[in-house]
Amino acid sequence: MSEKENNTANAPAENGNEERALSVFASERNEDMTALIFCLITTFLVLLFTKWMV
């Protein structure tokens, strides 16, 4: 098989890998956003309760 034929044979597999990678990054972004929101809520609650206790 020549180099050109090999590249065209791998093209669909590379496209599939690229789509999988992008979907993984998208799900990690959602998890990161969820973690950030939980951190902000927790920080706000800690600040709120420490102010009340003083």
N, C-alpha and C. Protein backbone atom coordinates (compact mmCIF):
# COMPACT_ATOMS: atom_id res chain seq x y z
N MET A 1 0.84 -1.17 0.00
CA MET A 1 0.00 0.00 0.00
C MET A 1 0.89 1.25 0.00
N SER A 2 0.56 2.20 -0.81
CA SER A 2 1.38 3.40 -0.87
C SER A 2 1.02 4.34 0.29
N GLU A 3 1.85 5.36 0.48
CA GLU A 3 1.64 6.31 1.57
C GLU A 3 0.31 7.06 1.41
N LYS A 4 -0.02 7.43 0.17
CA LYS A 4 -1.26 8.17 -0.08
C LYS A 4 -2.47 7.30 0.22
N GLU A 5 -2.44 6.05 -0.22
CA GLU A 5 -3.55 5.14 0.06
C GLU A 5 -3.69 4.90 1.55
N ASN A 6 -2.59 4.81 2.26
CA ASN A 6 -2.61 4.61 3.70
C ASN A 6 -3.25 5.80 4.41
N ASN A 7 -2.93 7.01 3.97
CA ASN A 7 -3.50 8.21 4.58
C ASN A 7 -5.00 8.29 4.36
N THR A 8 -5.47 7.95 3.16
CA THR A 8 -6.91 8.02 2.90
C THR A 8 -7.64 6.92 3.64
N ALA A 9 -6.99 5.79 3.88
CA ALA A 9 -7.62 4.70 4.63
C ALA A 9 -7.76 5.08 6.10
N ASN A 10 -6.85 5.88 6.64
CA ASN A 10 -6.90 6.29 8.04
C ASN A 10 -7.78 7.51 8.28
N ALA A 11 -8.20 8.19 7.24
CA ALA A 11 -8.96 9.43 7.39
C ALA A 11 -10.26 9.23 8.18
N PRO A 12 -11.09 8.23 7.88
CA PRO A 12 -12.32 8.08 8.68
C PRO A 12 -12.04 7.77 10.14
N ALA A 13 -11.01 6.98 10.40
CA ALA A 13 -10.65 6.66 11.79
C ALA A 13 -10.19 7.92 12.52
N GLU A 14 -9.43 8.76 11.85
CA GLU A 14 -8.96 10.00 12.48
C GLU A 14 -10.13 10.93 12.76
N ASN A 15 -11.09 11.00 11.84
CA ASN A 15 -12.27 11.85 12.06
C ASN A 15 -13.06 11.35 13.26
N GLY A 16 -13.20 10.02 13.37
CA GLY A 16 -13.91 9.45 14.52
C GLY A 16 -13.19 9.74 15.82
N ASN A 17 -11.86 9.63 15.81
CA ASN A 17 -11.08 9.93 17.01
C ASN A 17 -11.20 11.39 17.39
N GLU A 18 -11.21 12.25 16.38
CA GLU A 18 -11.34 13.69 16.66
C GLU A 18 -12.70 13.99 17.29
N GLU A 19 -13.76 13.38 16.76
CA GLU A 19 -15.09 13.61 17.33
C GLU A 19 -15.18 13.09 18.75
N ARG A 20 -14.56 11.93 19.01
CA ARG A 20 -14.57 11.38 20.37
C ARG A 20 -13.81 12.30 21.32
N ALA A 21 -12.67 12.80 20.87
CA ALA A 21 -11.88 13.70 21.71
C ALA A 21 -12.65 14.96 22.03
N LEU A 22 -13.33 15.52 21.05
CA LEU A 22 -14.10 16.73 21.29
C LEU A 22 -15.25 16.48 22.26
N SER A 23 -15.90 15.32 22.15
CA SER A 23 -17.00 15.02 23.07
C SER A 23 -16.47 14.82 24.49
N VAL A 24 -15.28 14.24 24.62
CA VAL A 24 -14.68 14.08 25.95
C VAL A 24 -14.37 15.43 26.54
N PHE A 25 -13.80 16.34 25.75
CA PHE A 25 -13.51 17.67 26.25
C PHE A 25 -14.78 18.40 26.63
N ALA A 26 -15.85 18.21 25.88
CA ALA A 26 -17.11 18.87 26.19
C ALA A 26 -17.66 18.37 27.52
N SER A 27 -17.57 17.07 27.77
CA SER A 27 -18.09 16.54 29.04
C SER A 27 -17.21 16.99 30.20
N GLU A 28 -15.91 17.06 29.99
CA GLU A 28 -15.03 17.55 31.05
C GLU A 28 -15.32 19.02 31.35
N ARG A 29 -15.68 19.78 30.35
CA ARG A 29 -16.01 21.19 30.56
C ARG A 29 -17.26 21.29 31.42
N ASN A 30 -18.25 20.44 31.16
CA ASN A 30 -19.47 20.45 31.98
C ASN A 30 -19.15 20.08 33.42
N GLU A 31 -18.30 19.09 33.61
CA GLU A 31 -17.91 18.70 34.97
C GLU A 31 -17.16 19.83 35.65
N ASP A 32 -16.30 20.52 34.91
CA ASP A 32 -15.55 21.64 35.48
C ASP A 32 -16.48 22.77 35.90
N MET A 33 -17.48 23.05 35.06
CA MET A 33 -18.43 24.11 35.39
C MET A 33 -19.25 23.74 36.62
N THR A 34 -19.64 22.47 36.74
CA THR A 34 -20.39 22.02 37.91
C THR A 34 -19.54 22.15 39.17
N ALA A 35 -18.28 21.74 39.09
CA ALA A 35 -17.38 21.86 40.24
C ALA A 35 -17.18 23.33 40.63
N LEU A 36 -17.05 24.19 39.64
CA LEU A 36 -16.87 25.62 39.92
C LEU A 36 -18.09 26.19 40.63
N ILE A 37 -19.27 25.82 40.17
CA ILE A 37 -20.50 26.31 40.80
C ILE A 37 -20.60 25.82 42.24
N PHE A 38 -20.28 24.53 42.49
CA PHE A 38 -20.30 24.02 43.86
C PHE A 38 -19.30 24.75 44.74
N CYS A 39 -18.13 25.04 44.21
CA CYS A 39 -17.13 25.77 44.98
C CYS A 39 -17.60 27.18 45.32
N LEU A 40 -18.22 27.85 44.37
CA LEU A 40 -18.72 29.21 44.63
C LEU A 40 -19.83 29.21 45.67
N ILE A 41 -20.74 28.24 45.58
CA ILE A 41 -21.83 28.14 46.55
C ILE A 41 -21.27 27.85 47.94
N THR A 42 -20.32 26.92 48.02
CA THR A 42 -19.73 26.57 49.31
C THR A 42 -19.00 27.78 49.91
N THR A 43 -18.26 28.49 49.09
CA THR A 43 -17.54 29.68 49.57
C THR A 43 -18.52 30.73 50.09
N PHE A 44 -19.59 30.94 49.35
CA PHE A 44 -20.60 31.92 49.76
C PHE A 44 -21.23 31.51 51.09
N LEU A 45 -21.56 30.22 51.25
CA LEU A 45 -22.17 29.76 52.49
C LEU A 45 -21.20 29.88 53.67
N VAL A 46 -19.94 29.54 53.45
CA VAL A 46 -18.95 29.67 54.53
C VAL A 46 -18.82 31.13 54.94
N LEU A 47 -18.73 32.03 53.98
CA LEU A 47 -18.61 33.45 54.30
C LEU A 47 -19.86 33.95 55.03
N LEU A 48 -21.00 33.48 54.59
CA LEU A 48 -22.26 33.90 55.19
C LEU A 48 -22.36 33.44 56.65
N PHE A 49 -22.05 32.17 56.89
CA PHE A 49 -22.17 31.64 58.24
C PHE A 49 -21.09 32.19 59.18
N THR A 50 -19.89 32.43 58.67
CA THR A 50 -18.86 32.99 59.54
C THR A 50 -19.20 34.44 59.91
N LYS A 51 -19.87 35.15 59.03
CA LYS A 51 -20.28 36.51 59.35
C LYS A 51 -21.37 36.47 60.43
N TRP A 52 -22.28 35.51 60.36
CA TRP A 52 -23.34 35.41 61.34
C TRP A 52 -22.81 35.03 62.71
N MET A 53 -21.73 34.25 62.76
CA MET A 53 -21.23 33.75 64.03
C MET A 53 -20.43 34.79 64.80
N VAL A 54 -20.05 35.85 64.15
CA VAL A 54 -19.23 36.88 64.82
C VAL A 54 -20.12 37.79 65.62
